[in-house]
N, C-alpha and C. Protein backbone atom coordinates (compact mmCIF):
# COMPACT_ATOMS: atom_id res chain seq x y z
N MET A 1 -23.48 -21.31 4.11
CA MET A 1 -24.59 -21.72 4.91
C MET A 1 -24.05 -22.61 6.00
N GLY A 2 -24.00 -22.41 6.87
CA GLY A 2 -23.53 -23.32 7.87
C GLY A 2 -23.76 -22.70 9.21
N GLY A 3 -23.45 -23.38 10.08
CA GLY A 3 -23.57 -22.89 11.44
C GLY A 3 -22.43 -23.47 12.25
N LYS A 4 -22.64 -23.53 13.48
CA LYS A 4 -21.61 -24.07 14.33
C LYS A 4 -21.62 -25.59 14.21
N LYS A 5 -20.45 -26.13 14.14
CA LYS A 5 -20.30 -27.58 14.00
C LYS A 5 -20.66 -28.26 15.31
N LYS A 6 -21.36 -29.36 15.24
CA LYS A 6 -21.72 -30.11 16.44
C LYS A 6 -20.49 -30.80 16.99
N LEU A 7 -20.39 -30.78 18.31
CA LEU A 7 -19.24 -31.38 18.96
C LEU A 7 -19.45 -32.88 19.12
N GLY A 8 -18.34 -33.58 19.11
CA GLY A 8 -18.40 -35.02 19.34
C GLY A 8 -18.51 -35.32 20.83
N LEU A 9 -18.78 -36.59 21.16
CA LEU A 9 -18.94 -36.98 22.56
C LEU A 9 -17.67 -36.75 23.36
N LYS A 10 -16.52 -37.07 22.78
CA LYS A 10 -15.25 -36.88 23.49
C LYS A 10 -15.01 -35.40 23.81
N GLN A 11 -15.33 -34.54 22.85
CA GLN A 11 -15.12 -33.11 23.06
C GLN A 11 -16.06 -32.58 24.16
N ILE A 12 -17.28 -33.04 24.16
CA ILE A 12 -18.24 -32.63 25.19
C ILE A 12 -17.77 -33.09 26.56
N GLU A 13 -17.27 -34.32 26.65
CA GLU A 13 -16.78 -34.84 27.93
C GLU A 13 -15.59 -34.03 28.43
N ARG A 14 -14.67 -33.66 27.54
CA ARG A 14 -13.51 -32.87 27.93
C ARG A 14 -13.92 -31.49 28.46
N MET A 15 -14.85 -30.86 27.76
CA MET A 15 -15.32 -29.54 28.18
C MET A 15 -15.98 -29.61 29.57
N GLN A 16 -16.78 -30.65 29.77
CA GLN A 16 -17.46 -30.81 31.05
C GLN A 16 -16.46 -31.05 32.19
N SER A 17 -15.45 -31.86 31.92
CA SER A 17 -14.45 -32.13 32.98
C SER A 17 -13.65 -30.86 33.30
N ARG A 18 -13.33 -30.05 32.30
CA ARG A 18 -12.63 -28.79 32.54
C ARG A 18 -13.47 -27.84 33.39
N ARG A 19 -14.74 -27.76 33.09
CA ARG A 19 -15.65 -26.90 33.87
C ARG A 19 -15.72 -27.37 35.32
N ASP A 20 -15.80 -28.67 35.50
CA ASP A 20 -15.86 -29.21 36.87
C ASP A 20 -14.60 -28.86 37.65
N GLU A 21 -13.43 -28.98 37.01
CA GLU A 21 -12.17 -28.66 37.67
C GLU A 21 -12.09 -27.17 38.02
N GLU A 22 -12.55 -26.31 37.11
CA GLU A 22 -12.53 -24.87 37.38
C GLU A 22 -13.46 -24.53 38.54
N ASP A 23 -14.62 -25.17 38.60
CA ASP A 23 -15.56 -24.91 39.69
C ASP A 23 -14.97 -25.32 41.04
N LYS A 24 -14.27 -26.44 41.06
CA LYS A 24 -13.64 -26.90 42.30
C LYS A 24 -12.56 -25.93 42.75
N LYS A 25 -11.78 -25.41 41.81
CA LYS A 25 -10.73 -24.45 42.14
C LYS A 25 -11.33 -23.16 42.68
N LYS A 26 -12.42 -22.71 42.11
CA LYS A 26 -13.06 -21.48 42.56
C LYS A 26 -13.62 -21.64 43.96
N GLU A 27 -14.19 -22.80 44.25
CA GLU A 27 -14.76 -23.04 45.57
C GLU A 27 -13.67 -23.03 46.65
N LYS A 28 -12.51 -23.58 46.33
CA LYS A 28 -11.43 -23.63 47.30
C LYS A 28 -10.76 -22.27 47.45
N ALA A 29 -10.68 -21.49 46.38
CA ALA A 29 -9.92 -20.25 46.38
C ALA A 29 -10.66 -19.09 47.04
N THR A 30 -11.97 -19.07 47.03
CA THR A 30 -12.70 -17.91 47.53
C THR A 30 -13.10 -18.10 48.99
N PRO A 31 -12.41 -17.43 49.91
CA PRO A 31 -12.82 -17.49 51.32
C PRO A 31 -14.02 -16.59 51.56
N ILE A 32 -14.77 -16.89 52.57
CA ILE A 32 -15.94 -16.10 52.90
C ILE A 32 -15.50 -14.86 53.67
N LYS A 33 -15.93 -13.69 53.19
CA LYS A 33 -15.53 -12.44 53.82
C LYS A 33 -16.61 -12.01 54.80
N GLU A 34 -16.17 -11.45 55.91
CA GLU A 34 -17.10 -10.94 56.90
C GLU A 34 -17.38 -9.47 56.62
N LYS A 35 -18.63 -9.07 56.77
CA LYS A 35 -18.99 -7.68 56.60
C LYS A 35 -18.77 -6.96 57.91
N LYS A 36 -18.20 -5.76 57.80
CA LYS A 36 -18.03 -4.98 59.01
C LYS A 36 -18.98 -3.78 58.93
N SER A 37 -19.50 -3.40 60.06
CA SER A 37 -20.40 -2.27 60.08
C SER A 37 -19.59 -0.99 59.99
N SER A 38 -20.17 0.01 59.35
CA SER A 38 -19.45 1.27 59.15
C SER A 38 -20.01 2.35 60.06
N GLY A 39 -20.17 2.04 61.32
CA GLY A 39 -20.59 3.05 62.27
C GLY A 39 -22.02 3.49 62.09
N ILE A 40 -22.94 2.56 62.01
CA ILE A 40 -24.33 2.89 61.76
C ILE A 40 -24.99 3.48 63.01
N THR A 41 -24.53 3.13 64.18
CA THR A 41 -25.17 3.60 65.40
C THR A 41 -24.90 5.08 65.60
N MET A 42 -25.94 5.78 66.01
CA MET A 42 -25.87 7.21 66.20
C MET A 42 -25.26 7.52 67.56
N PRO A 43 -24.40 8.54 67.64
CA PRO A 43 -23.88 8.94 68.94
C PRO A 43 -25.00 9.47 69.83
N ASP A 44 -24.81 9.42 71.12
CA ASP A 44 -25.82 9.89 72.06
C ASP A 44 -25.84 11.41 72.07
N PRO A 45 -26.98 12.03 71.70
CA PRO A 45 -27.03 13.50 71.66
C PRO A 45 -27.01 14.15 73.03
N LYS A 46 -27.16 13.38 74.09
CA LYS A 46 -27.15 13.95 75.44
C LYS A 46 -25.78 13.82 76.11
N ASN A 47 -24.84 13.18 75.45
CA ASN A 47 -23.50 13.00 75.99
C ASN A 47 -22.75 14.33 75.96
N GLU A 48 -22.24 14.76 77.10
CA GLU A 48 -21.57 16.07 77.19
C GLU A 48 -20.28 16.13 76.38
N LYS A 49 -19.59 15.02 76.28
CA LYS A 49 -18.34 15.00 75.51
C LYS A 49 -18.62 15.25 74.04
N ILE A 50 -19.65 14.63 73.52
CA ILE A 50 -20.00 14.79 72.10
C ILE A 50 -20.52 16.20 71.85
N VAL A 51 -21.36 16.70 72.74
CA VAL A 51 -21.88 18.06 72.58
C VAL A 51 -20.75 19.07 72.67
N GLY A 52 -19.76 18.79 73.51
CA GLY A 52 -18.59 19.67 73.61
C GLY A 52 -17.79 19.72 72.32
N GLU A 53 -17.64 18.58 71.66
CA GLU A 53 -16.94 18.55 70.38
C GLU A 53 -17.73 19.30 69.32
N ILE A 54 -19.04 19.19 69.38
CA ILE A 54 -19.88 19.88 68.39
C ILE A 54 -19.80 21.39 68.60
N ARG A 55 -19.71 21.83 69.84
CA ARG A 55 -19.62 23.27 70.12
C ARG A 55 -18.30 23.86 69.63
N LYS A 56 -17.27 23.04 69.47
CA LYS A 56 -15.99 23.53 68.97
C LYS A 56 -16.04 23.83 67.47
N MET A 57 -16.98 23.21 66.77
CA MET A 57 -17.07 23.39 65.33
C MET A 57 -17.81 24.69 65.02
N ASN A 58 -17.36 25.42 64.01
CA ASN A 58 -18.00 26.69 63.64
C ASN A 58 -19.32 26.46 62.92
N VAL A 59 -19.30 25.61 61.93
CA VAL A 59 -20.47 25.34 61.11
C VAL A 59 -20.71 23.84 61.11
N LEU A 60 -21.96 23.46 61.25
CA LEU A 60 -22.31 22.04 61.27
C LEU A 60 -23.13 21.70 60.04
N THR A 61 -22.61 20.78 59.26
CA THR A 61 -23.36 20.20 58.15
C THR A 61 -23.37 18.70 58.36
N PRO A 62 -24.31 18.01 57.75
CA PRO A 62 -24.32 16.54 57.90
C PRO A 62 -23.01 15.90 57.47
N TYR A 63 -22.37 16.46 56.44
CA TYR A 63 -21.11 15.90 55.96
C TYR A 63 -20.00 16.05 57.01
N SER A 64 -19.90 17.23 57.60
CA SER A 64 -18.83 17.46 58.58
C SER A 64 -19.03 16.60 59.83
N VAL A 65 -20.29 16.43 60.25
CA VAL A 65 -20.57 15.59 61.42
C VAL A 65 -20.29 14.13 61.10
N ALA A 66 -20.64 13.71 59.89
CA ALA A 66 -20.39 12.32 59.49
C ALA A 66 -18.90 12.03 59.47
N LEU A 67 -18.10 12.97 59.02
CA LEU A 67 -16.65 12.77 59.02
C LEU A 67 -16.09 12.74 60.43
N ARG A 68 -16.56 13.63 61.28
CA ARG A 68 -16.02 13.75 62.64
C ARG A 68 -16.31 12.50 63.47
N PHE A 69 -17.53 11.97 63.37
CA PHE A 69 -17.92 10.84 64.21
C PHE A 69 -17.92 9.50 63.49
N ASN A 70 -17.49 9.48 62.24
CA ASN A 70 -17.39 8.26 61.44
C ASN A 70 -18.74 7.53 61.36
N ILE A 71 -19.77 8.27 60.94
CA ILE A 71 -21.10 7.70 60.75
C ILE A 71 -21.57 8.03 59.36
N ARG A 72 -22.69 7.44 58.96
CA ARG A 72 -23.26 7.72 57.65
C ARG A 72 -23.91 9.10 57.65
N ILE A 73 -24.04 9.67 56.46
CA ILE A 73 -24.60 11.01 56.35
C ILE A 73 -26.07 11.01 56.76
N SER A 74 -26.82 9.98 56.43
CA SER A 74 -28.22 9.93 56.83
C SER A 74 -28.34 9.88 58.35
N THR A 75 -27.44 9.18 59.00
CA THR A 75 -27.43 9.13 60.46
C THR A 75 -27.03 10.48 61.04
N ALA A 76 -26.11 11.18 60.38
CA ALA A 76 -25.69 12.50 60.84
C ALA A 76 -26.84 13.50 60.73
N LYS A 77 -27.66 13.38 59.69
CA LYS A 77 -28.82 14.26 59.55
C LYS A 77 -29.78 14.05 60.71
N ASP A 78 -30.06 12.80 61.04
CA ASP A 78 -30.94 12.50 62.16
C ASP A 78 -30.34 13.01 63.48
N PHE A 79 -29.05 12.84 63.63
CA PHE A 79 -28.35 13.28 64.83
C PHE A 79 -28.47 14.79 65.02
N LEU A 80 -28.28 15.55 63.92
CA LEU A 80 -28.38 17.00 64.00
C LEU A 80 -29.81 17.44 64.31
N GLU A 81 -30.79 16.72 63.79
CA GLU A 81 -32.19 17.05 64.10
C GLU A 81 -32.47 16.83 65.59
N GLN A 82 -31.93 15.77 66.15
CA GLN A 82 -32.12 15.52 67.58
C GLN A 82 -31.42 16.58 68.42
N LEU A 83 -30.23 17.00 68.00
CA LEU A 83 -29.53 18.05 68.72
C LEU A 83 -30.29 19.37 68.65
N GLU A 84 -30.96 19.61 67.54
CA GLU A 84 -31.77 20.82 67.42
C GLU A 84 -32.97 20.76 68.37
N GLU A 85 -33.59 19.59 68.48
CA GLU A 85 -34.70 19.42 69.41
C GLU A 85 -34.25 19.61 70.86
N ASN A 86 -33.04 19.15 71.17
CA ASN A 86 -32.50 19.28 72.52
C ASN A 86 -32.03 20.70 72.82
N GLY A 87 -31.83 21.51 71.78
CA GLY A 87 -31.40 22.88 71.99
C GLY A 87 -29.90 23.08 71.96
N ALA A 88 -29.16 22.12 71.47
CA ALA A 88 -27.70 22.24 71.42
C ALA A 88 -27.24 22.96 70.16
N VAL A 89 -28.02 22.88 69.08
CA VAL A 89 -27.67 23.56 67.83
C VAL A 89 -28.88 24.32 67.32
N GLN A 90 -28.60 25.26 66.40
CA GLN A 90 -29.66 26.08 65.83
C GLN A 90 -29.56 26.01 64.32
N LEU A 91 -30.71 25.87 63.65
CA LEU A 91 -30.74 25.83 62.19
C LEU A 91 -30.51 27.23 61.65
N VAL A 92 -29.50 27.38 60.80
CA VAL A 92 -29.17 28.67 60.22
C VAL A 92 -29.83 28.81 58.87
N SER A 93 -29.63 27.83 58.02
CA SER A 93 -30.16 27.87 56.66
C SER A 93 -30.36 26.44 56.21
N GLY A 94 -31.27 26.28 55.27
CA GLY A 94 -31.46 24.93 54.78
C GLY A 94 -32.41 24.86 53.62
N SER A 95 -32.27 23.83 52.86
CA SER A 95 -33.18 23.51 51.77
C SER A 95 -33.49 22.02 51.88
N HIS A 96 -34.11 21.48 50.87
CA HIS A 96 -34.40 20.05 50.92
C HIS A 96 -33.13 19.22 50.73
N ASN A 97 -32.07 19.81 50.23
CA ASN A 97 -30.82 19.08 50.01
C ASN A 97 -29.92 19.08 51.24
N ILE A 98 -29.68 20.25 51.80
CA ILE A 98 -28.71 20.36 52.89
C ILE A 98 -29.21 21.37 53.91
N LYS A 99 -28.89 21.11 55.16
CA LYS A 99 -29.22 22.02 56.24
C LYS A 99 -27.93 22.40 56.95
N ILE A 100 -27.83 23.68 57.31
CA ILE A 100 -26.63 24.19 57.96
C ILE A 100 -27.03 24.64 59.36
N TYR A 101 -26.26 24.18 60.35
CA TYR A 101 -26.54 24.48 61.74
C TYR A 101 -25.37 25.22 62.34
N LYS A 102 -25.63 25.90 63.46
CA LYS A 102 -24.54 26.47 64.25
C LYS A 102 -24.76 26.06 65.70
N PRO A 103 -23.68 25.82 66.41
CA PRO A 103 -23.82 25.46 67.82
C PRO A 103 -24.28 26.65 68.65
N ILE A 104 -25.11 26.40 69.63
CA ILE A 104 -25.58 27.45 70.52
C ILE A 104 -24.58 27.55 71.67
N GLY A 105 -24.24 28.80 72.01
CA GLY A 105 -23.31 29.02 73.10
C GLY A 105 -21.89 29.22 72.65
N SER A 106 -21.70 29.40 71.35
CA SER A 106 -20.33 29.67 70.88
C SER A 106 -20.27 30.94 70.11
C-alpha cells in the first residue's frame, strides 16, 4: 500500500532550480525563425512569356503547372481556370479530383 513518497523541502527546491536553469537555456538556445512564402502569388495569365511556356507543354495538370511555376497546387488550379476563361487552354477531361487541359494552338 503505498504511493509516491512526499518530497522534502530541499528536494523540491533543487528540482525547481533545475527547471529554472533549463528554461533559461532553452530561451537562449532557440532563435526565432522567419517564415518564407512558398510562391503563393499566382502568375499573370495574360503574360505572353508565361502563356508561351504553357503552350510548350503537351498536357497541363495542376501538378505539372505547380512544379513548373513553383506555386501551390490550389493556386495552379485557379490559374488553369483563368487560362481557360481567357482561351489559352482547353479542358480535355476532368472529374472532381483532377482536371486535364491542353494548350490551344499546339
